[in-house]
Amino acid sequence: MGFFFSDSKPHVGKDEWRKVRNDLSACGFEHKRIDRVEEIFRGDLYELQNSQKGIDTNEIDAAIAWMRAHMSEHPFSKEKIATIERVLRKYL
């Protein structure tokens, strides 16, 4: 049964993440800023268990809430955070 298990929960996986990076670049994000976004989501994107890899809705919500609550700990304005959230949700 393990061979046929499929995680039907929507998530941003490695393939979608490449698209997220491209979209953020098209929105004016510099490469070092895109790398910082990846650092924030890295734990969710590269989880050890295959069934949990990728960024799901709850993980987006939590990271975006953290970013909004801790504006001094990253280089993103409220507008950039909204862009990050919009782009991530586009690929769920």
PDB file of N, CA and C in Angstrom:
ATOM      1  N   MET A   1       0.817  -1.193   0.000  1.00  0.00           N
ATOM      2  CA  MET A   1       0.000   0.000   0.000  1.00  0.00           C
ATOM      3  C   MET A   1       0.858   1.253   0.000  1.00  0.00           C
ATOM      4  N   GLY A   2       2.031   1.194   0.587  1.00  0.00           N
ATOM      5  CA  GLY A   2       2.894   2.355   0.647  1.00  0.00           C
ATOM      6  C   GLY A   2       3.331   2.854  -0.713  1.00  0.00           C
ATOM      7  N   PHE A   3       3.395   1.940  -1.691  1.00  0.00           N
ATOM      8  CA  PHE A   3       3.835   2.347  -3.021  1.00  0.00           C
ATOM      9  C   PHE A   3       2.807   3.219  -3.720  1.00  0.00           C
ATOM     10  N   PHE A   4       1.542   3.079  -3.345  1.00  0.00           N
ATOM     11  CA  PHE A   4       0.482   3.801  -4.031  1.00  0.00           C
ATOM     12  C   PHE A   4      -0.048   4.967  -3.229  1.00  0.00           C
ATOM     13  N   PHE A   5       0.562   5.263  -2.097  1.00  0.00           N
ATOM     14  CA  PHE A   5       0.114   6.367  -1.265  1.00  0.00           C
ATOM     15  C   PHE A   5       0.410   7.683  -1.981  1.00  0.00           C
ATOM     16  N   SER A   6      -0.576   8.530  -2.020  1.00  0.00           N
ATOM     17  CA  SER A   6      -0.406   9.844  -2.630  1.00  0.00           C
ATOM     18  C   SER A   6      -0.914  10.896  -1.671  1.00  0.00           C
ATOM     19  N   ASP A   7      -0.095  11.902  -1.428  1.00  0.00           N
ATOM     20  CA  ASP A   7      -0.503  12.989  -0.556  1.00  0.00           C
ATOM     21  C   ASP A   7      -1.353  13.950  -1.363  1.00  0.00           C
ATOM     22  N   SER A   8      -2.651  13.972  -1.100  1.00  0.00           N
ATOM     23  CA  SER A   8      -3.550  14.806  -1.874  1.00  0.00           C
ATOM     24  C   SER A   8      -3.617  16.232  -1.340  1.00  0.00           C
ATOM     25  N   LYS A   9      -2.947  16.506  -0.230  1.00  0.00           N
ATOM     26  CA  LYS A   9      -2.941  17.839   0.348  1.00  0.00           C
ATOM     27  C   LYS A   9      -2.184  18.783  -0.584  1.00  0.00           C
ATOM     28  N   PRO A  10      -2.800  19.896  -0.983  1.00  0.00           N
ATOM     29  CA  PRO A  10      -2.099  20.830  -1.876  1.00  0.00           C
ATOM     30  C   PRO A  10      -0.847  21.384  -1.200  1.00  0.00           C
ATOM     31  N   HIS A  11       0.229  21.450  -1.963  1.00  0.00           N
ATOM     32  CA  HIS A  11       1.475  21.975  -1.429  1.00  0.00           C
ATOM     33  C   HIS A  11       2.364  22.495  -2.554  1.00  0.00           C
ATOM     34  N   VAL A  12       3.295  23.347  -2.160  1.00  0.00           N
ATOM     35  CA  VAL A  12       4.309  23.849  -3.082  1.00  0.00           C
ATOM     36  C   VAL A  12       5.526  22.953  -2.904  1.00  0.00           C
ATOM     37  N   GLY A  13       5.809  22.134  -3.910  1.00  0.00           N
ATOM     38  CA  GLY A  13       6.954  21.235  -3.872  1.00  0.00           C
ATOM     39  C   GLY A  13       8.141  21.836  -4.615  1.00  0.00           C
ATOM     40  N   LYS A  14       9.139  21.006  -4.848  1.00  0.00           N
ATOM     41  CA  LYS A  14      10.364  21.484  -5.512  1.00  0.00           C
ATOM     42  C   LYS A  14      10.085  22.046  -6.903  1.00  0.00           C
ATOM     43  N   ASP A  15       9.225  21.376  -7.675  1.00  0.00           N
ATOM     44  CA  ASP A  15       8.920  21.853  -9.028  1.00  0.00           C
ATOM     45  C   ASP A  15       8.209  23.206  -8.986  1.00  0.00           C
ATOM     46  N   GLU A  16       7.239  23.322  -8.092  1.00  0.00           N
ATOM     47  CA  GLU A  16       6.517  24.586  -7.957  1.00  0.00           C
ATOM     48  C   GLU A  16       7.433  25.676  -7.412  1.00  0.00           C
ATOM     49  N   TRP A  17       8.374  25.277  -6.554  1.00  0.00           N
ATOM     50  CA  TRP A  17       9.276  26.268  -5.957  1.00  0.00           C
ATOM     51  C   TRP A  17      10.096  26.983  -7.032  1.00  0.00           C
ATOM     52  N   ARG A  18      10.501  26.270  -8.061  1.00  0.00           N
ATOM     53  CA  ARG A  18      11.228  26.914  -9.165  1.00  0.00           C
ATOM     54  C   ARG A  18      10.349  27.989  -9.818  1.00  0.00           C
ATOM     55  N   LYS A  19       9.064  27.703  -9.952  1.00  0.00           N
ATOM     56  CA  LYS A  19       8.137  28.674 -10.523  1.00  0.00           C
ATOM     57  C   LYS A  19       7.943  29.863  -9.588  1.00  0.00           C
ATOM     58  N   VAL A  20       7.884  29.583  -8.290  1.00  0.00           N
ATOM     59  CA  VAL A  20       7.779  30.660  -7.297  1.00  0.00           C
ATOM     60  C   VAL A  20       8.976  31.593  -7.428  1.00  0.00           C
ATOM     61  N   ARG A  21      10.181  31.015  -7.501  1.00  0.00           N
ATOM     62  CA  ARG A  21      11.392  31.834  -7.637  1.00  0.00           C
ATOM     63  C   ARG A  21      11.332  32.704  -8.892  1.00  0.00           C
ATOM     64  N   ASN A  22      10.903  32.125 -10.006  1.00  0.00           N
ATOM     65  CA  ASN A  22      10.787  32.882 -11.258  1.00  0.00           C
ATOM     66  C   ASN A  22       9.771  34.008 -11.136  1.00  0.00           C
ATOM     67  N   ASP A  23       8.627  33.720 -10.526  1.00  0.00           N
ATOM     68  CA  ASP A  23       7.592  34.740 -10.361  1.00  0.00           C
ATOM     69  C   ASP A  23       8.068  35.873  -9.455  1.00  0.00           C
ATOM     70  N   LEU A  24       8.750  35.526  -8.364  1.00  0.00           N
ATOM     71  CA  LEU A  24       9.260  36.567  -7.469  1.00  0.00           C
ATOM     72  C   LEU A  24      10.282  37.442  -8.193  1.00  0.00           C
ATOM     73  N   SER A  25      11.112  36.827  -9.007  1.00  0.00           N
ATOM     74  CA  SER A  25      12.077  37.583  -9.796  1.00  0.00           C
ATOM     75  C   SER A  25      11.349  38.530 -10.753  1.00  0.00           C
ATOM     76  N   ALA A  26      10.292  38.050 -11.382  1.00  0.00           N
ATOM     77  CA  ALA A  26       9.498  38.879 -12.299  1.00  0.00           C
ATOM     78  C   ALA A  26       8.803  40.025 -11.566  1.00  0.00           C
ATOM     79  N   CYS A  27       8.575  39.844 -10.260  1.00  0.00           N
ATOM     80  CA  CYS A  27       7.952  40.891  -9.436  1.00  0.00           C
ATOM     81  C   CYS A  27       8.984  41.868  -8.877  1.00  0.00           C
ATOM     82  N   GLY A  28      10.236  41.727  -9.288  1.00  0.00           N
ATOM     83  CA  GLY A  28      11.264  42.674  -8.874  1.00  0.00           C
ATOM     84  C   GLY A  28      12.112  42.265  -7.696  1.00  0.00           C
ATOM     85  N   PHE A  29      11.952  41.039  -7.205  1.00  0.00           N
ATOM     86  CA  PHE A  29      12.774  40.559  -6.093  1.00  0.00           C
ATOM     87  C   PHE A  29      14.187  40.258  -6.600  1.00  0.00           C
ATOM     88  N   GLU A  30      15.188  40.739  -5.889  1.00  0.00           N
ATOM     89  CA  GLU A  30      16.574  40.406  -6.210  1.00  0.00           C
ATOM     90  C   GLU A  30      16.843  38.960  -5.802  1.00  0.00           C
ATOM     91  N   HIS A  31      17.869  38.351  -6.399  1.00  0.00           N
ATOM     92  CA  HIS A  31      18.181  36.947  -6.103  1.00  0.00           C
ATOM     93  C   HIS A  31      18.482  36.720  -4.625  1.00  0.00           C
ATOM     94  N   LYS A  32      19.182  37.640  -3.988  1.00  0.00           N
ATOM     95  CA  LYS A  32      19.489  37.441  -2.566  1.00  0.00           C
ATOM     96  C   LYS A  32      18.225  37.519  -1.709  1.00  0.00           C
ATOM     97  N   ARG A  33      17.234  38.304  -2.143  1.00  0.00           N
ATOM     98  CA  ARG A  33      15.955  38.374  -1.414  1.00  0.00           C
ATOM     99  C   ARG A  33      15.149  37.088  -1.632  1.00  0.00           C
ATOM    100  N   ILE A  34      15.204  36.553  -2.838  1.00  0.00           N
ATOM    101  CA  ILE A  34      14.522  35.282  -3.111  1.00  0.00           C
ATOM    102  C   ILE A  34      15.162  34.177  -2.285  1.00  0.00           C
ATOM    103  N   ASP A  35      16.483  34.197  -2.177  1.00  0.00           N
ATOM    104  CA  ASP A  35      17.172  33.217  -1.328  1.00  0.00           C
ATOM    105  C   ASP A  35      16.725  33.342   0.119  1.00  0.00           C
ATOM    106  N   ARG A  36      16.478  34.572   0.583  1.00  0.00           N
ATOM    107  CA  ARG A  36      16.017  34.775   1.964  1.00  0.00           C
ATOM    108  C   ARG A  36      14.611  34.198   2.150  1.00  0.00           C
ATOM    109  N   VAL A  37      13.752  34.351   1.143  1.00  0.00           N
ATOM    110  CA  VAL A  37      12.416  33.734   1.203  1.00  0.00           C
ATOM    111  C   VAL A  37      12.569  32.225   1.326  1.00  0.00           C
ATOM    112  N   GLU A  38      13.468  31.652   0.537  1.00  0.00           N
ATOM    113  CA  GLU A  38      13.691  30.204   0.603  1.00  0.00           C
ATOM    114  C   GLU A  38      14.201  29.791   1.971  1.00  0.00           C
ATOM    115  N   GLU A  39      15.053  30.593   2.582  1.00  0.00           N
ATOM    116  CA  GLU A  39      15.536  30.285   3.935  1.00  0.00           C
ATOM    117  C   GLU A  39      14.376  30.210   4.914  1.00  0.00           C
ATOM    118  N   ILE A  40      13.433  31.111   4.780  1.00  0.00           N
ATOM    119  CA  ILE A  40      12.280  31.137   5.688  1.00  0.00           C
ATOM    120  C   ILE A  40      11.417  29.882   5.524  1.00  0.00           C
ATOM    121  N   PHE A  41      11.291  29.395   4.301  1.00  0.00           N
ATOM    122  CA  PHE A  41      10.434  28.236   4.025  1.00  0.00           C
ATOM    123  C   PHE A  41      11.206  26.922   3.901  1.00  0.00           C
ATOM    124  N   ARG A  42      12.511  26.960   4.048  1.00  0.00           N
ATOM    125  CA  ARG A  42      13.355  25.780   3.819  1.00  0.00           C
ATOM    126  C   ARG A  42      12.927  24.560   4.637  1.00  0.00           C
ATOM    127  N   GLY A  43      12.637  24.743   5.916  1.00  0.00           N
ATOM    128  CA  GLY A  43      12.259  23.619   6.768  1.00  0.00           C
ATOM    129  C   GLY A  43      11.021  22.893   6.264  1.00  0.00           C
ATOM    130  N   ASP A  44      10.089  23.641   5.720  1.00  0.00           N
ATOM    131  CA  ASP A  44       8.865  23.037   5.195  1.00  0.00           C
ATOM    132  C   ASP A  44       9.089  22.441   3.809  1.00  0.00           C
ATOM    133  N   LEU A  45       9.858  23.124   3.010  1.00  0.00           N
ATOM    134  CA  LEU A  45      10.086  22.686   1.629  1.00  0.00           C
ATOM    135  C   LEU A  45      10.896  21.401   1.559  1.00  0.00           C
ATOM    136  N   TYR A  46      11.873  21.261   2.450  1.00  0.00           N
ATOM    137  CA  TYR A  46      12.790  20.120   2.389  1.00  0.00           C
ATOM    138  C   TYR A  46      12.659  19.191   3.599  1.00  0.00           C
ATOM    139  N   GLU A  47      11.437  18.965   4.084  1.00  0.00           N
ATOM    140  CA  GLU A  47      11.226  18.068   5.213  1.00  0.00           C
ATOM    141  C   GLU A  47      11.739  16.668   4.883  1.00  0.00           C
ATOM    142  N   LEU A  48      12.136  15.930   5.909  1.00  0.00           N
ATOM    143  CA  LEU A  48      12.736  14.618   5.705  1.00  0.00           C
ATOM    144  C   LEU A  48      11.750  13.578   5.203  1.00  0.00           C
ATOM    145  N   GLN A  49      10.538  13.583   5.713  1.00  0.00           N
ATOM    146  CA  GLN A  49       9.553  12.589   5.290  1.00  0.00           C
ATOM    147  C   GLN A  49       8.938  13.007   3.957  1.00  0.00           C
ATOM    148  N   ASN A  50       8.943  12.113   2.995  1.00  0.00           N
ATOM    149  CA  ASN A  50       8.399  12.421   1.674  1.00  0.00           C
ATOM    150  C   ASN A  50       6.954  12.886   1.739  1.00  0.00           C
ATOM    151  N   SER A  51       6.170  12.293   2.622  1.00  0.00           N
ATOM    152  CA  SER A  51       4.754  12.642   2.704  1.00  0.00           C
ATOM    153  C   SER A  51       4.543  14.060   3.228  1.00  0.00           C
ATOM    154  N   GLN A  52       5.565  14.678   3.813  1.00  0.00           N
ATOM    155  CA  GLN A  52       5.428  16.019   4.368  1.00  0.00           C
ATOM    156  C   GLN A  52       6.224  17.070   3.601  1.00  0.00           C
ATOM    157  N   LYS A  53       6.952  16.663   2.558  1.00  0.00           N
ATOM    158  CA  LYS A  53       7.752  17.617   1.795  1.00  0.00           C
ATOM    159  C   LYS A  53       6.848  18.605   1.085  1.00  0.00           C
ATOM    160  N   GLY A  54       7.305  19.809   1.015  1.00  0.00           N
ATOM    161  CA  GLY A  54       6.543  20.865   0.356  1.00  0.00           C
ATOM    162  C   GLY A  54       5.902  21.781   1.376  1.00  0.00           C
ATOM    163  N   ILE A  55       5.442  22.896   0.892  1.00  0.00           N
ATOM    164  CA  ILE A  55       4.854  23.922   1.750  1.00  0.00           C
ATOM    165  C   ILE A  55       3.340  23.878   1.575  1.00  0.00           C
ATOM    166  N   ASP A  56       2.626  23.574   2.653  1.00  0.00           N
ATOM    167  CA  ASP A  56       1.167  23.513   2.555  1.00  0.00           C
ATOM    168  C   ASP A  56       0.548  24.831   3.042  1.00  0.00           C
ATOM    169  N   THR A  57      -0.758  24.919   2.975  1.00  0.00           N
ATOM    170  CA  THR A  57      -1.480  26.142   3.336  1.00  0.00           C
ATOM    171  C   THR A  57      -1.174  26.592   4.756  1.00  0.00           C
ATOM    172  N   ASN A  58      -1.183  25.661   5.707  1.00  0.00           N
ATOM    173  CA  ASN A  58      -0.921  26.024   7.101  1.00  0.00           C
ATOM    174  C   ASN A  58       0.489  26.558   7.280  1.00  0.00           C
ATOM    175  N   GLU A  59       1.432  26.004   6.565  1.00  0.00           N
ATOM    176  CA  GLU A  59       2.820  26.453   6.665  1.00  0.00           C
ATOM    177  C   GLU A  59       3.002  27.832   6.032  1.00  0.00           C
ATOM    178  N   ILE A  60       2.278  28.096   4.948  1.00  0.00           N
ATOM    179  CA  ILE A  60       2.300  29.442   4.364  1.00  0.00           C
ATOM    180  C   ILE A  60       1.719  30.431   5.360  1.00  0.00           C
ATOM    181  N   ASP A  61       0.563  30.089   5.927  1.00  0.00           N
ATOM    182  CA  ASP A  61      -0.081  30.970   6.912  1.00  0.00           C
ATOM    183  C   ASP A  61       0.861  31.300   8.067  1.00  0.00           C
ATOM    184  N   ALA A  62       1.513  30.268   8.608  1.00  0.00           N
ATOM    185  CA  ALA A  62       2.400  30.460   9.762  1.00  0.00           C
ATOM    186  C   ALA A  62       3.606  31.328   9.411  1.00  0.00           C
ATOM    187  N   ALA A  63       4.223  31.063   8.277  1.00  0.00           N
ATOM    188  CA  ALA A  63       5.416  31.833   7.891  1.00  0.00           C
ATOM    189  C   ALA A  63       5.060  33.280   7.568  1.00  0.00           C
ATOM    190  N   ILE A  64       3.954  33.498   6.897  1.00  0.00           N
ATOM    191  CA  ILE A  64       3.531  34.859   6.566  1.00  0.00           C
ATOM    192  C   ILE A  64       3.185  35.612   7.851  1.00  0.00           C
ATOM    193  N   ALA A  65       2.503  34.951   8.770  1.00  0.00           N
ATOM    194  CA  ALA A  65       2.184  35.584  10.062  1.00  0.00           C
ATOM    195  C   ALA A  65       3.464  35.942  10.815  1.00  0.00           C
ATOM    196  N   TRP A  66       4.442  35.040  10.790  1.00  0.00           N
ATOM    197  CA  TRP A  66       5.722  35.324  11.447  1.00  0.00           C
ATOM    198  C   TRP A  66       6.393  36.525  10.789  1.00  0.00           C
ATOM    199  N   MET A  67       6.407  36.559   9.468  1.00  0.00           N
ATOM    200  CA  MET A  67       7.036  37.674   8.758  1.00  0.00           C
ATOM    201  C   MET A  67       6.372  39.002   9.113  1.00  0.00           C
ATOM    202  N   ARG A  68       5.051  39.008   9.199  1.00  0.00           N
ATOM    203  CA  ARG A  68       4.330  40.241   9.543  1.00  0.00           C
ATOM    204  C   ARG A  68       4.579  40.666  10.989  1.00  0.00           C
ATOM    205  N   ALA A  69       4.757  39.694  11.862  1.00  0.00           N
ATOM    206  CA  ALA A  69       4.974  39.990  13.283  1.00  0.00           C
ATOM    207  C   ALA A  69       6.426  40.335  13.608  1.00  0.00           C
ATOM    208  N   HIS A  70       7.341  40.011  12.714  1.00  0.00           N
ATOM    209  CA  HIS A  70       8.772  40.207  12.967  1.00  0.00           C
ATOM    210  C   HIS A  70       9.427  40.985  11.821  1.00  0.00           C
ATOM    211  N   MET A  71       8.905  42.142  11.546  1.00  0.00           N
ATOM    212  CA  MET A  71       9.368  42.945  10.412  1.00  0.00           C
ATOM    213  C   MET A  71      10.854  43.301  10.498  1.00  0.00           C
ATOM    214  N   SER A  72      11.394  43.362  11.688  1.00  0.00           N
ATOM    215  CA  SER A  72      12.806  43.748  11.837  1.00  0.00           C
ATOM    216  C   SER A  72      13.769  42.583  11.570  1.00  0.00           C
ATOM    217  N   GLU A  73      13.247  41.382  11.377  1.00  0.00           N
ATOM    218  CA  GLU A  73      14.100  40.206  11.220  1.00  0.00           C
ATOM    219  C   GLU A  73      14.272  39.744   9.772  1.00  0.00           C
ATOM    220  N   HIS A  74      13.750  40.511   8.842  1.00  0.00           N
ATOM    221  CA  HIS A  74      13.894  40.187   7.421  1.00  0.00           C
ATOM    222  C   HIS A  74      13.793  41.481   6.623  1.00  0.00           C
ATOM    223  N   PRO A  75      14.150  41.457   5.352  1.00  0.00           N
ATOM    224  CA  PRO A  75      14.190  42.697   4.568  1.00  0.00           C
ATOM    225  C   PRO A  75      12.913  43.028   3.782  1.00  0.00           C
ATOM    226  N   PHE A  76      11.786  42.432   4.121  1.00  0.00           N
ATOM    227  CA  PHE A  76      10.592  42.564   3.290  1.00  0.00           C
ATOM    228  C   PHE A  76       9.581  43.544   3.866  1.00  0.00           C
ATOM    229  N   SER A  77       9.071  44.402   3.008  1.00  0.00           N
ATOM    230  CA  SER A  77       8.010  45.336   3.388  1.00  0.00           C
ATOM    231  C   SER A  77       6.683  44.580   3.436  1.00  0.00           C
ATOM    232  N   LYS A  78       5.654  45.250   3.936  1.00  0.00           N
ATOM    233  CA  LYS A  78       4.324  44.633   3.968  1.00  0.00           C
ATOM    234  C   LYS A  78       3.856  44.280   2.553  1.00  0.00           C
ATOM    235  N   GLU A  79       4.178  45.131   1.598  1.00  0.00           N
ATOM    236  CA  GLU A  79       3.789  44.880   0.215  1.00  0.00           C
ATOM    237  C   GLU A  79       4.510  43.658  -0.352  1.00  0.00           C
ATOM    238  N   LYS A  80       5.800  43.534  -0.046  1.00  0.00           N
ATOM    239  CA  LYS A  80       6.573  42.382  -0.536  1.00  0.00           C
ATOM    240  C   LYS A  80       6.070  41.086   0.114  1.00  0.00           C
ATOM    241  N   ILE A  81       5.704  41.151   1.388  1.00  0.00           N
ATOM    242  CA  ILE A  81       5.157  39.973   2.066  1.00  0.00           C
ATOM    243  C   ILE A  81       3.855  39.546   1.393  1.00  0.00           C
ATOM    244  N   ALA A  82       3.028  40.522   1.041  1.00  0.00           N
ATOM    245  CA  ALA A  82       1.771  40.212   0.348  1.00  0.00           C
ATOM    246  C   ALA A  82       2.060  39.560  -1.011  1.00  0.00           C
ATOM    247  N   THR A  83       3.098  40.024  -1.688  1.00  0.00           N
ATOM    248  CA  THR A  83       3.487  39.424  -2.973  1.00  0.00           C
ATOM    249  C   THR A  83       3.956  37.996  -2.781  1.00  0.00           C
ATOM    250  N   ILE A  84       4.785  37.766  -1.778  1.00  0.00           N
ATOM    251  CA  ILE A  84       5.270  36.416  -1.472  1.00  0.00           C
ATOM    252  C   ILE A  84       4.085  35.485  -1.222  1.00  0.00           C
ATOM    253  N   GLU A  85       3.151  35.934  -0.406  1.00  0.00           N
ATOM    254  CA  GLU A  85       1.980  35.109  -0.099  1.00  0.00           C
ATOM    255  C   GLU A  85       1.165  34.816  -1.361  1.00  0.00           C
ATOM    256  N   ARG A  86       0.929  35.835  -2.170  1.00  0.00           N
ATOM    257  CA  ARG A  86       0.136  35.657  -3.400  1.00  0.00           C
ATOM    258  C   ARG A  86       0.797  34.650  -4.341  1.00  0.00           C
ATOM    259  N   VAL A  87       2.095  34.773  -4.513  1.00  0.00           N
ATOM    260  CA  VAL A  87       2.811  33.873  -5.427  1.00  0.00           C
ATOM    261  C   VAL A  87       2.798  32.439  -4.895  1.00  0.00           C
ATOM    262  N   LEU A  88       3.047  32.265  -3.612  1.00  0.00           N
ATOM    263  CA  LEU A  88       3.020  30.912  -3.043  1.00  0.00           C
ATOM    264  C   LEU A  88       1.656  30.259  -3.201  1.00  0.00           C
ATOM    265  N   ARG A  89       0.600  31.003  -2.900  1.00  0.00           N
ATOM    266  CA  ARG A  89      -0.756  30.438  -2.993  1.00  0.00           C
ATOM    267  C   ARG A  89      -1.135  30.109  -4.435  1.00  0.00           C
ATOM    268  N   LYS A  90      -0.551  30.819  -5.373  1.00  0.00           N
ATOM    269  CA  LYS A  90      -0.807  30.549  -6.794  1.00  0.00           C
ATOM    270  C   LYS A  90      -0.408  29.121  -7.164  1.00  0.00           C
ATOM    271  N   TYR A  91       0.621  28.575  -6.498  1.00  0.00           N
ATOM    272  CA  TYR A  91       1.134  27.249  -6.854  1.00  0.00           C
ATOM    273  C   TYR A  91       0.698  26.140  -5.902  1.00  0.00           C
ATOM    274  N   LEU A  92      -0.265  26.408  -5.042  1.00  0.00           N
ATOM    275  CA  LEU A  92      -0.798  25.338  -4.171  1.00  0.00           C
ATOM    276  C   LEU A  92      -1.589  24.348  -5.001  1.00  0.00           C
TER     277      LEU A  92
END
